Amino acid sequence: MFAMDEVFKALADASRRSLLDRLHLKNGQTLNELCEGLAMTRQAVTKHLVILEAANLVTAFKHGREKLHYLNPVPIHQIGERWIRKFERGKLTALSELKRQLEKRDE
């Protein structure tokens, strides 16, 4: 399992989350495409991409002369599994019990 601290650190920044959102909408973008319409310099976007790659949230592949960036959703899924789902269990159990009691009452 990849270091969760790096993932949380990468996700803590709004600019990096914005880049992830852009990759979610259109995967496989070049640096120039990712920079379009952003109020950040090319160097700032590059620095953010380095952090996202270090956290394994973005993967880049050379395609000819271009470097394409892709979203890797696995670390975000792992956060959901590790940190979100465990908090849902109690609520789901309570809802299931409520449903069972209501059905029992209606019989």
PDB file of N, CA and C in Angstrom:
ATOM      1  N   MET A   1       0.840  -1.179   0.000  1.00  0.00           N
ATOM      2  CA  MET A   1       0.000   0.000   0.000  1.00  0.00           C
ATOM      3  C   MET A   1       0.886   1.242   0.000  1.00  0.00           C
ATOM      4  N   PHE A   2       0.500   2.200  -0.828  1.00  0.00           N
ATOM      5  CA  PHE A   2       1.289   3.421  -0.961  1.00  0.00           C
ATOM      6  C   PHE A   2       1.131   4.272   0.285  1.00  0.00           C
ATOM      7  N   ALA A   3       2.107   5.078   0.598  1.00  0.00           N
ATOM      8  CA  ALA A   3       2.107   5.913   1.800  1.00  0.00           C
ATOM      9  C   ALA A   3       0.932   6.898   1.768  1.00  0.00           C
ATOM     10  N   MET A   4      -0.011   6.691   2.670  1.00  0.00           N
ATOM     11  CA  MET A   4      -1.211   7.545   2.736  1.00  0.00           C
ATOM     12  C   MET A   4      -0.868   8.994   3.079  1.00  0.00           C
ATOM     13  N   ASP A   5       0.205   9.196   3.842  1.00  0.00           N
ATOM     14  CA  ASP A   5       0.574  10.569   4.202  1.00  0.00           C
ATOM     15  C   ASP A   5       0.837  11.411   2.960  1.00  0.00           C
ATOM     16  N   GLU A   6       1.513  10.825   1.973  1.00  0.00           N
ATOM     17  CA  GLU A   6       1.807  11.544   0.738  1.00  0.00           C
ATOM     18  C   GLU A   6       0.526  11.875  -0.022  1.00  0.00           C
ATOM     19  N   VAL A   7      -0.420  10.950  -0.006  1.00  0.00           N
ATOM     20  CA  VAL A   7      -1.692  11.167  -0.702  1.00  0.00           C
ATOM     21  C   VAL A   7      -2.467  12.296  -0.029  1.00  0.00           C
ATOM     22  N   PHE A   8      -2.580  12.245   1.302  1.00  0.00           N
ATOM     23  CA  PHE A   8      -3.294  13.298   2.016  1.00  0.00           C
ATOM     24  C   PHE A   8      -2.600  14.650   1.833  1.00  0.00           C
ATOM     25  N   LYS A   9      -1.275  14.663   1.846  1.00  0.00           N
ATOM     26  CA  LYS A   9      -0.528  15.903   1.646  1.00  0.00           C
ATOM     27  C   LYS A   9      -0.799  16.463   0.247  1.00  0.00           C
ATOM     28  N   ALA A  10      -0.826  15.592  -0.740  1.00  0.00           N
ATOM     29  CA  ALA A  10      -1.084  16.034  -2.111  1.00  0.00           C
ATOM     30  C   ALA A  10      -2.509  16.559  -2.261  1.00  0.00           C
ATOM     31  N   LEU A  11      -3.457  15.892  -1.627  1.00  0.00           N
ATOM     32  CA  LEU A  11      -4.866  16.296  -1.734  1.00  0.00           C
ATOM     33  C   LEU A  11      -5.195  17.537  -0.914  1.00  0.00           C
ATOM     34  N   ALA A  12      -4.305  17.931  -0.016  1.00  0.00           N
ATOM     35  CA  ALA A  12      -4.568  19.078   0.862  1.00  0.00           C
ATOM     36  C   ALA A  12      -4.565  20.407   0.108  1.00  0.00           C
ATOM     37  N   ASP A  13      -3.989  20.432  -1.075  1.00  0.00           N
ATOM     38  CA  ASP A  13      -3.859  21.676  -1.819  1.00  0.00           C
ATOM     39  C   ASP A  13      -4.961  21.792  -2.876  1.00  0.00           C
ATOM     40  N   ALA A  14      -5.650  22.919  -2.887  1.00  0.00           N
ATOM     41  CA  ALA A  14      -6.761  23.138  -3.831  1.00  0.00           C
ATOM     42  C   ALA A  14      -6.300  23.129  -5.291  1.00  0.00           C
ATOM     43  N   SER A  15      -5.113  23.642  -5.563  1.00  0.00           N
ATOM     44  CA  SER A  15      -4.612  23.646  -6.945  1.00  0.00           C
ATOM     45  C   SER A  15      -4.374  22.223  -7.439  1.00  0.00           C
ATOM     46  N   ARG A  16      -3.847  21.369  -6.582  1.00  0.00           N
ATOM     47  CA  ARG A  16      -3.618  19.974  -6.979  1.00  0.00           C
ATOM     48  C   ARG A  16      -4.937  19.240  -7.168  1.00  0.00           C
ATOM     49  N   ARG A  17      -5.906  19.527  -6.301  1.00  0.00           N
ATOM     50  CA  ARG A  17      -7.234  18.913  -6.481  1.00  0.00           C
ATOM     51  C   ARG A  17      -7.848  19.368  -7.797  1.00  0.00           C
ATOM     52  N   SER A  18      -7.627  20.622  -8.154  1.00  0.00           N
ATOM     53  CA  SER A  18      -8.125  21.140  -9.431  1.00  0.00           C
ATOM     54  C   SER A  18      -7.492  20.396 -10.607  1.00  0.00           C
ATOM     55  N   LEU A  19      -6.200  20.144 -10.533  1.00  0.00           N
ATOM     56  CA  LEU A  19      -5.530  19.386 -11.596  1.00  0.00           C
ATOM     57  C   LEU A  19      -6.091  17.966 -11.686  1.00  0.00           C
ATOM     58  N   LEU A  20      -6.351  17.345 -10.543  1.00  0.00           N
ATOM     59  CA  LEU A  20      -6.949  16.004 -10.546  1.00  0.00           C
ATOM     60  C   LEU A  20      -8.352  16.045 -11.162  1.00  0.00           C
ATOM     61  N   ASP A  21      -9.110  17.085 -10.845  1.00  0.00           N
ATOM     62  CA  ASP A  21     -10.447  17.228 -11.443  1.00  0.00           C
ATOM     63  C   ASP A  21     -10.353  17.361 -12.960  1.00  0.00           C
ATOM     64  N   ARG A  22      -9.377  18.121 -13.417  1.00  0.00           N
ATOM     65  CA  ARG A  22      -9.191  18.300 -14.862  1.00  0.00           C
ATOM     66  C   ARG A  22      -8.820  16.978 -15.530  1.00  0.00           C
ATOM     67  N   LEU A  23      -7.991  16.186 -14.871  1.00  0.00           N
ATOM     68  CA  LEU A  23      -7.626  14.880 -15.423  1.00  0.00           C
ATOM     69  C   LEU A  23      -8.791  13.909 -15.361  1.00  0.00           C
ATOM     70  N   HIS A  24      -9.635  14.075 -14.373  1.00  0.00           N
ATOM     71  CA  HIS A  24     -10.830  13.223 -14.289  1.00  0.00           C
ATOM     72  C   HIS A  24     -11.768  13.501 -15.463  1.00  0.00           C
ATOM     73  N   LEU A  25     -11.894  14.773 -15.816  1.00  0.00           N
ATOM     74  CA  LEU A  25     -12.748  15.150 -16.945  1.00  0.00           C
ATOM     75  C   LEU A  25     -12.173  14.704 -18.281  1.00  0.00           C
ATOM     76  N   LYS A  26     -10.858  14.830 -18.419  1.00  0.00           N
ATOM     77  CA  LYS A  26     -10.188  14.432 -19.664  1.00  0.00           C
ATOM     78  C   LYS A  26      -8.815  13.880 -19.308  1.00  0.00           C
ATOM     79  N   ASN A  27      -8.706  12.571 -19.299  1.00  0.00           N
ATOM     80  CA  ASN A  27      -7.458  11.917 -18.945  1.00  0.00           C
ATOM     81  C   ASN A  27      -6.470  11.996 -20.107  1.00  0.00           C
ATOM     82  N   GLY A  28      -5.186  11.925 -19.799  1.00  0.00           N
ATOM     83  CA  GLY A  28      -4.171  11.899 -20.833  1.00  0.00           C
ATOM     84  C   GLY A  28      -3.848  13.259 -21.413  1.00  0.00           C
ATOM     85  N   GLN A  29      -3.702  14.261 -20.553  1.00  0.00           N
ATOM     86  CA  GLN A  29      -3.416  15.618 -21.023  1.00  0.00           C
ATOM     87  C   GLN A  29      -1.927  15.934 -20.954  1.00  0.00           C
ATOM     88  N   THR A  30      -1.509  16.800 -21.862  1.00  0.00           N
ATOM     89  CA  THR A  30      -0.139  17.312 -21.823  1.00  0.00           C
ATOM     90  C   THR A  30      -0.059  18.426 -20.782  1.00  0.00           C
ATOM     91  N   LEU A  31       1.159  18.839 -20.478  1.00  0.00           N
ATOM     92  CA  LEU A  31       1.356  19.956 -19.556  1.00  0.00           C
ATOM     93  C   LEU A  31       0.685  21.212 -20.096  1.00  0.00           C
ATOM     94  N   ASN A  32       0.834  21.471 -21.384  1.00  0.00           N
ATOM     95  CA  ASN A  32       0.200  22.659 -21.981  1.00  0.00           C
ATOM     96  C   ASN A  32      -1.314  22.626 -21.817  1.00  0.00           C
ATOM     97  N   GLU A  33      -1.920  21.462 -22.040  1.00  0.00           N
ATOM     98  CA  GLU A  33      -3.373  21.337 -21.880  1.00  0.00           C
ATOM     99  C   GLU A  33      -3.780  21.584 -20.434  1.00  0.00           C
ATOM    100  N   LEU A  34      -3.011  21.049 -19.497  1.00  0.00           N
ATOM    101  CA  LEU A  34      -3.333  21.242 -18.081  1.00  0.00           C
ATOM    102  C   LEU A  34      -3.183  22.696 -17.657  1.00  0.00           C
ATOM    103  N   CYS A  35      -2.284  23.414 -18.294  1.00  0.00           N
ATOM    104  CA  CYS A  35      -2.051  24.830 -17.950  1.00  0.00           C
ATOM    105  C   CYS A  35      -3.130  25.756 -18.502  1.00  0.00           C
ATOM    106  N   GLU A  36      -3.822  25.333 -19.559  1.00  0.00           N
ATOM    107  CA  GLU A  36      -4.820  26.192 -20.207  1.00  0.00           C
ATOM    108  C   GLU A  36      -5.895  26.639 -19.220  1.00  0.00           C
ATOM    109  N   GLY A  37      -6.108  27.947 -19.169  1.00  0.00           N
ATOM    110  CA  GLY A  37      -7.176  28.504 -18.346  1.00  0.00           C
ATOM    111  C   GLY A  37      -6.884  28.557 -16.862  1.00  0.00           C
ATOM    112  N   LEU A  38      -5.684  28.176 -16.450  1.00  0.00           N
ATOM    113  CA  LEU A  38      -5.337  28.235 -15.029  1.00  0.00           C
ATOM    114  C   LEU A  38      -4.593  29.525 -14.713  1.00  0.00           C
ATOM    115  N   ALA A  39      -4.781  30.017 -13.525  1.00  0.00           N
ATOM    116  CA  ALA A  39      -4.083  31.220 -13.077  1.00  0.00           C
ATOM    117  C   ALA A  39      -2.781  30.818 -12.387  1.00  0.00           C
ATOM    118  N   MET A  40      -2.054  29.868 -13.025  1.00  0.00           N
ATOM    119  CA  MET A  40      -0.776  29.395 -12.491  1.00  0.00           C
ATOM    120  C   MET A  40       0.245  29.390 -13.616  1.00  0.00           C
ATOM    121  N   THR A  41       1.478  29.573 -13.235  1.00  0.00           N
ATOM    122  CA  THR A  41       2.542  29.487 -14.227  1.00  0.00           C
ATOM    123  C   THR A  41       2.769  28.018 -14.597  1.00  0.00           C
ATOM    124  N   ARG A  42       3.430  27.835 -15.702  1.00  0.00           N
ATOM    125  CA  ARG A  42       3.777  26.477 -16.143  1.00  0.00           C
ATOM    126  C   ARG A  42       4.647  25.779 -15.087  1.00  0.00           C
ATOM    127  N   GLN A  43       5.579  26.542 -14.482  1.00  0.00           N
ATOM    128  CA  GLN A  43       6.446  25.973 -13.448  1.00  0.00           C
ATOM    129  C   GLN A  43       5.650  25.538 -12.229  1.00  0.00           C
ATOM    130  N   ALA A  44       4.630  26.308 -11.853  1.00  0.00           N
ATOM    131  CA  ALA A  44       3.803  25.949 -10.696  1.00  0.00           C
ATOM    132  C   ALA A  44       3.030  24.662 -10.981  1.00  0.00           C
ATOM    133  N   VAL A  45       2.471  24.555 -12.177  1.00  0.00           N
ATOM    134  CA  VAL A  45       1.739  23.339 -12.550  1.00  0.00           C
ATOM    135  C   VAL A  45       2.688  22.145 -12.527  1.00  0.00           C
ATOM    136  N   THR A  46       3.904  22.336 -13.041  1.00  0.00           N
ATOM    137  CA  THR A  46       4.899  21.259 -13.047  1.00  0.00           C
ATOM    138  C   THR A  46       5.222  20.813 -11.626  1.00  0.00           C
ATOM    139  N   LYS A  47       5.405  21.768 -10.718  1.00  0.00           N
ATOM    140  CA  LYS A  47       5.700  21.426  -9.318  1.00  0.00           C
ATOM    141  C   LYS A  47       4.546  20.639  -8.696  1.00  0.00           C
ATOM    142  N   HIS A  48       3.322  21.054  -8.979  1.00  0.00           N
ATOM    143  CA  HIS A  48       2.168  20.336  -8.450  1.00  0.00           C
ATOM    144  C   HIS A  48       2.092  18.922  -9.026  1.00  0.00           C
ATOM    145  N   LEU A  49       2.391  18.787 -10.295  1.00  0.00           N
ATOM    146  CA  LEU A  49       2.374  17.459 -10.926  1.00  0.00           C
ATOM    147  C   LEU A  49       3.427  16.535 -10.320  1.00  0.00           C
ATOM    148  N   VAL A  50       4.584  17.082  -9.976  1.00  0.00           N
ATOM    149  CA  VAL A  50       5.633  16.284  -9.331  1.00  0.00           C
ATOM    150  C   VAL A  50       5.123  15.733  -7.992  1.00  0.00           C
ATOM    151  N   ILE A  51       4.435  16.563  -7.228  1.00  0.00           N
ATOM    152  CA  ILE A  51       3.887  16.132  -5.941  1.00  0.00           C
ATOM    153  C   ILE A  51       2.798  15.086  -6.146  1.00  0.00           C
ATOM    154  N   LEU A  52       1.943  15.297  -7.140  1.00  0.00           N
ATOM    155  CA  LEU A  52       0.879  14.326  -7.433  1.00  0.00           C
ATOM    156  C   LEU A  52       1.462  12.996  -7.916  1.00  0.00           C
ATOM    157  N   GLU A  53       2.523  13.047  -8.695  1.00  0.00           N
ATOM    158  CA  GLU A  53       3.181  11.817  -9.144  1.00  0.00           C
ATOM    159  C   GLU A  53       3.843  11.102  -7.974  1.00  0.00           C
ATOM    160  N   ALA A  54       4.468  11.849  -7.064  1.00  0.00           N
ATOM    161  CA  ALA A  54       5.109  11.252  -5.895  1.00  0.00           C
ATOM    162  C   ALA A  54       4.096  10.550  -5.001  1.00  0.00           C
ATOM    163  N   ALA A  55       2.860  11.068  -4.989  1.00  0.00           N
ATOM    164  CA  ALA A  55       1.782  10.461  -4.206  1.00  0.00           C
ATOM    165  C   ALA A  55       1.074   9.356  -4.980  1.00  0.00           C
ATOM    166  N   ASN A  56       1.529   9.098  -6.194  1.00  0.00           N
ATOM    167  CA  ASN A  56       0.955   8.064  -7.063  1.00  0.00           C
ATOM    168  C   ASN A  56      -0.471   8.398  -7.513  1.00  0.00           C
ATOM    169  N   LEU A  57      -0.830   9.675  -7.490  1.00  0.00           N
ATOM    170  CA  LEU A  57      -2.152  10.108  -7.936  1.00  0.00           C
ATOM    171  C   LEU A  57      -2.177  10.422  -9.428  1.00  0.00           C
ATOM    172  N   VAL A  58      -1.008  10.679  -9.988  1.00  0.00           N
ATOM    173  CA  VAL A  58      -0.874  10.966 -11.413  1.00  0.00           C
ATOM    174  C   VAL A  58       0.281  10.132 -11.951  1.00  0.00           C
ATOM    175  N   THR A  59       0.070   9.608 -13.130  1.00  0.00           N
ATOM    176  CA  THR A  59       1.106   8.859 -13.840  1.00  0.00           C
ATOM    177  C   THR A  59       1.311   9.539 -15.188  1.00  0.00           C
ATOM    178  N   ALA A  60       2.565   9.626 -15.608  1.00  0.00           N
ATOM    179  CA  ALA A  60       2.864  10.266 -16.890  1.00  0.00           C
ATOM    180  C   ALA A  60       3.572   9.280 -17.804  1.00  0.00           C
ATOM    181  N   PHE A  61       3.208   9.310 -19.079  1.00  0.00           N
ATOM    182  CA  PHE A  61       3.817   8.451 -20.093  1.00  0.00           C
ATOM    183  C   PHE A  61       4.226   9.301 -21.278  1.00  0.00           C
ATOM    184  N   LYS A  62       5.372   8.974 -21.839  1.00  0.00           N
ATOM    185  CA  LYS A  62       5.820   9.635 -23.067  1.00  0.00           C
ATOM    186  C   LYS A  62       5.058   9.031 -24.235  1.00  0.00           C
ATOM    187  N   HIS A  63       4.514   9.908 -25.064  1.00  0.00           N
ATOM    188  CA  HIS A  63       3.840   9.492 -26.297  1.00  0.00           C
ATOM    189  C   HIS A  63       4.449  10.326 -27.413  1.00  0.00           C
ATOM    190  N   GLY A  64       5.439   9.748 -28.067  1.00  0.00           N
ATOM    191  CA  GLY A  64       6.183  10.534 -29.045  1.00  0.00           C
ATOM    192  C   GLY A  64       6.972  11.614 -28.342  1.00  0.00           C
ATOM    193  N   ARG A  65       6.746  12.848 -28.736  1.00  0.00           N
ATOM    194  CA  ARG A  65       7.439  13.975 -28.105  1.00  0.00           C
ATOM    195  C   ARG A  65       6.661  14.562 -26.942  1.00  0.00           C
ATOM    196  N   GLU A  66       5.464  14.066 -26.723  1.00  0.00           N
ATOM    197  CA  GLU A  66       4.616  14.597 -25.656  1.00  0.00           C
ATOM    198  C   GLU A  66       4.642  13.701 -24.424  1.00  0.00           C
ATOM    199  N   LYS A  67       4.430  14.317 -23.295  1.00  0.00           N
ATOM    200  CA  LYS A  67       4.293  13.593 -22.041  1.00  0.00           C
ATOM    201  C   LYS A  67       2.837  13.744 -21.612  1.00  0.00           C
ATOM    202  N   LEU A  68       2.131  12.632 -21.547  1.00  0.00           N
ATOM    203  CA  LEU A  68       0.713  12.653 -21.191  1.00  0.00           C
ATOM    204  C   LEU A  68       0.531  12.283 -19.727  1.00  0.00           C
ATOM    205  N   HIS A  69      -0.340  13.011 -19.055  1.00  0.00           N
ATOM    206  CA  HIS A  69      -0.598  12.807 -17.628  1.00  0.00           C
ATOM    207  C   HIS A  69      -1.952  12.129 -17.442  1.00  0.00           C
ATOM    208  N   TYR A  70      -1.962  11.120 -16.596  1.00  0.00           N
ATOM    209  CA  TYR A  70      -3.174  10.341 -16.343  1.00  0.00           C
ATOM    210  C   TYR A  70      -3.464  10.287 -14.851  1.00  0.00           C
ATOM    211  N   LEU A  71      -4.731  10.361 -14.525  1.00  0.00           N
ATOM    212  CA  LEU A  71      -5.190  10.215 -13.152  1.00  0.00           C
ATOM    213  C   LEU A  71      -5.089   8.748 -12.737  1.00  0.00           C
ATOM    214  N   ASN A  72      -4.546   8.503 -11.557  1.00  0.00           N
ATOM    215  CA  ASN A  72      -4.535   7.167 -10.973  1.00  0.00           C
ATOM    216  C   ASN A  72      -5.497   7.195  -9.784  1.00  0.00           C
ATOM    217  N   PRO A  73      -6.702   6.637  -9.931  1.00  0.00           N
ATOM    218  CA  PRO A  73      -7.699   6.719  -8.865  1.00  0.00           C
ATOM    219  C   PRO A  73      -7.486   5.742  -7.712  1.00  0.00           C
ATOM    220  N   VAL A  74      -6.524   4.848  -7.822  1.00  0.00           N
ATOM    221  CA  VAL A  74      -6.332   3.802  -6.803  1.00  0.00           C
ATOM    222  C   VAL A  74      -6.074   4.384  -5.408  1.00  0.00           C
ATOM    223  N   PRO A  75      -5.153   5.347  -5.230  1.00  0.00           N
ATOM    224  CA  PRO A  75      -4.943   5.869  -3.877  1.00  0.00           C
ATOM    225  C   PRO A  75      -6.197   6.526  -3.283  1.00  0.00           C
ATOM    226  N   ILE A  76      -7.001   7.169  -4.124  1.00  0.00           N
ATOM    227  CA  ILE A  76      -8.240   7.791  -3.630  1.00  0.00           C
ATOM    228  C   ILE A  76      -9.226   6.695  -3.213  1.00  0.00           C
ATOM    229  N   HIS A  77      -9.284   5.630  -3.985  1.00  0.00           N
ATOM    230  CA  HIS A  77     -10.124   4.489  -3.628  1.00  0.00           C
ATOM    231  C   HIS A  77      -9.665   3.886  -2.295  1.00  0.00           C
ATOM    232  N   GLN A  78      -8.359   3.781  -2.101  1.00  0.00           N
ATOM    233  CA  GLN A  78      -7.828   3.241  -0.850  1.00  0.00           C
ATOM    234  C   GLN A  78      -8.217   4.118   0.338  1.00  0.00           C
ATOM    235  N   ILE A  79      -8.239   5.431   0.131  1.00  0.00           N
ATOM    236  CA  ILE A  79      -8.684   6.338   1.198  1.00  0.00           C
ATOM    237  C   ILE A  79     -10.144   6.049   1.533  1.00  0.00           C
ATOM    238  N   GLY A  80     -10.946   5.878   0.486  1.00  0.00           N
ATOM    239  CA  GLY A  80     -12.354   5.555   0.712  1.00  0.00           C
ATOM    240  C   GLY A  80     -12.524   4.259   1.482  1.00  0.00           C
ATOM    241  N   GLU A  81     -11.763   3.258   1.096  1.00  0.00           N
ATOM    242  CA  GLU A  81     -11.846   1.962   1.779  1.00  0.00           C
ATOM    243  C   GLU A  81     -11.375   2.069   3.218  1.00  0.00           C
ATOM    244  N   ARG A  82     -10.282   2.748   3.437  1.00  0.00           N
ATOM    245  CA  ARG A  82      -9.649   2.788   4.763  1.00  0.00           C
ATOM    246  C   ARG A  82     -10.311   3.786   5.710  1.00  0.00           C
ATOM    247  N   TRP A  83     -10.683   4.961   5.191  1.00  0.00           N
ATOM    248  CA  TRP A  83     -11.102   6.035   6.077  1.00  0.00           C
ATOM    249  C   TRP A  83     -12.584   6.368   6.018  1.00  0.00           C
ATOM    250  N   ILE A  84     -13.259   6.057   4.937  1.00  0.00           N
ATOM    251  CA  ILE A  84     -14.655   6.457   4.828  1.00  0.00           C
ATOM    252  C   ILE A  84     -15.589   5.288   5.105  1.00  0.00           C
ATOM    253  N   ARG A  85     -15.343   4.167   4.479  1.00  0.00           N
ATOM    254  CA  ARG A  85     -16.236   3.020   4.638  1.00  0.00           C
ATOM    255  C   ARG A  85     -16.404   2.573   6.074  1.00  0.00           C
ATOM    256  N   LYS A  86     -15.322   2.572   6.837  1.00  0.00           N
ATOM    257  CA  LYS A  86     -15.429   2.087   8.216  1.00  0.00           C
ATOM    258  C   LYS A  86     -16.372   2.960   9.044  1.00  0.00           C
ATOM    259  N   PHE A  87     -16.502   4.225   8.679  1.00  0.00           N
ATOM    260  CA  PHE A  87     -17.406   5.104   9.403  1.00  0.00           C
ATOM    261  C   PHE A  87     -18.851   4.927   8.948  1.00  0.00           C
ATOM    262  N   GLU A  88     -19.051   4.357   7.763  1.00  0.00           N
ATOM    263  CA  GLU A  88     -20.395   4.110   7.242  1.00  0.00           C
ATOM    264  C   GLU A  88     -21.016   2.848   7.832  1.00  0.00           C
ATOM    265  N   ARG A  89     -20.196   1.901   8.263  1.00  0.00           N
ATOM    266  CA  ARG A  89     -20.707   0.615   8.738  1.00  0.00           C
ATOM    267  C   ARG A  89     -21.778   0.764   9.810  1.00  0.00           C
ATOM    268  N   GLY A  90     -21.518   1.591  10.797  1.00  0.00           N
ATOM    269  CA  GLY A  90     -22.481   1.775  11.884  1.00  0.00           C
ATOM    270  C   GLY A  90     -23.804   2.320  11.383  1.00  0.00           C
ATOM    271  N   LYS A  91     -23.745   3.281  10.476  1.00  0.00           N
ATOM    272  CA  LYS A  91     -24.963   3.859   9.917  1.00  0.00           C
ATOM    273  C   LYS A  91     -25.728   2.827   9.098  1.00  0.00           C
ATOM    274  N   LEU A  92     -25.016   2.045   8.299  1.00  0.00           N
ATOM    275  CA  LEU A  92     -25.668   1.024   7.482  1.00  0.00           C
ATOM    276  C   LEU A  92     -26.293  -0.061   8.348  1.00  0.00           C
ATOM    277  N   THR A  93     -25.614  -0.431   9.416  1.00  0.00           N
ATOM    278  CA  THR A  93     -26.168  -1.416  10.338  1.00  0.00           C
ATOM    279  C   THR A  93     -27.426  -0.876  11.000  1.00  0.00           C
ATOM    280  N   ALA A  94     -27.394   0.381  11.417  1.00  0.00           N
ATOM    281  CA  ALA A  94     -28.560   1.009  12.053  1.00  0.00           C
ATOM    282  C   ALA A  94     -29.729   1.091  11.078  1.00  0.00           C
ATOM    283  N   LEU A  95     -29.467   1.466   9.837  1.00  0.00           N
ATOM    284  CA  LEU A  95     -30.538   1.535   8.834  1.00  0.00           C
ATOM    285  C   LEU A  95     -31.117   0.154   8.544  1.00  0.00           C
ATOM    286  N   SER A  96     -30.271  -0.835   8.480  1.00  0.00           N
ATOM    287  CA  SER A  96     -30.725  -2.206   8.248  1.00  0.00           C
ATOM    288  C   SER A  96     -31.609  -2.685   9.399  1.00  0.00           C
ATOM    289  N   GLU A  97     -31.206  -2.370  10.607  1.00  0.00           N
ATOM    290  CA  GLU A  97     -31.992  -2.760  11.789  1.00  0.00           C
ATOM    291  C   GLU A  97     -33.328  -2.019  11.805  1.00  0.00           C
ATOM    292  N   LEU A  98     -33.330  -0.738  11.476  1.00  0.00           N
ATOM    293  CA  LEU A  98     -34.560   0.046  11.413  1.00  0.00           C
ATOM    294  C   LEU A  98     -35.510  -0.542  10.376  1.00  0.00           C
ATOM    295  N   LYS A  99     -34.984  -0.879   9.216  1.00  0.00           N
ATOM    296  CA  LYS A  99     -35.794  -1.482   8.158  1.00  0.00           C
ATOM    297  C   LYS A  99     -36.414  -2.797   8.645  1.00  0.00           C
ATOM    298  N   ARG A 100     -35.588  -3.609   9.294  1.00  0.00           N
ATOM    299  CA  ARG A 100     -36.078  -4.896   9.805  1.00  0.00           C
ATOM    300  C   ARG A 100     -37.192  -4.691  10.821  1.00  0.00           C
ATOM    301  N   GLN A 101     -37.024  -3.725  11.718  1.00  0.00           N
ATOM    302  CA  GLN A 101     -38.045  -3.450  12.732  1.00  0.00           C
ATOM    303  C   GLN A 101     -39.330  -2.913  12.109  1.00  0.00           C
ATOM    304  N   LEU A 102     -39.218  -2.028  11.114  1.00  0.00           N
ATOM    305  CA  LEU A 102     -40.396  -1.490  10.455  1.00  0.00           C
ATOM    306  C   LEU A 102     -41.149  -2.572   9.686  1.00  0.00           C
ATOM    307  N   GLU A 103     -40.410  -3.442   9.027  1.00  0.00           N
ATOM    308  CA  GLU A 103     -41.052  -4.547   8.308  1.00  0.00           C
ATOM    309  C   GLU A 103     -41.741  -5.498   9.283  1.00  0.00           C
ATOM    310  N   LYS A 104     -41.119  -5.736  10.404  1.00  0.00           N
ATOM    311  CA  LYS A 104     -41.680  -6.602  11.443  1.00  0.00           C
ATOM    312  C   LYS A 104     -42.990  -5.992  12.001  1.00  0.00           C
ATOM    313  N   ARG A 105     -42.977  -4.683  12.195  1.00  0.00           N
ATOM    314  CA  ARG A 105     -44.139  -3.969  12.715  1.00  0.00           C
ATOM    315  C   ARG A 105     -45.302  -4.024  11.731  1.00  0.00           C
ATOM    316  N   ASP A 106     -44.994  -3.949  10.433  1.00  0.00           N
ATOM    317  CA  ASP A 106     -46.036  -3.952   9.403  1.00  0.00           C
ATOM    318  C   ASP A 106     -46.654  -5.329   9.175  1.00  0.00           C
ATOM    319  N   GLU A 107     -46.024  -6.374   9.678  1.00  0.00           N
ATOM    320  CA  GLU A 107     -46.562  -7.737   9.483  1.00  0.00           C
ATOM    321  C   GLU A 107     -47.811  -7.983  10.243  1.00  0.00           C
TER     322      GLU A 107
END
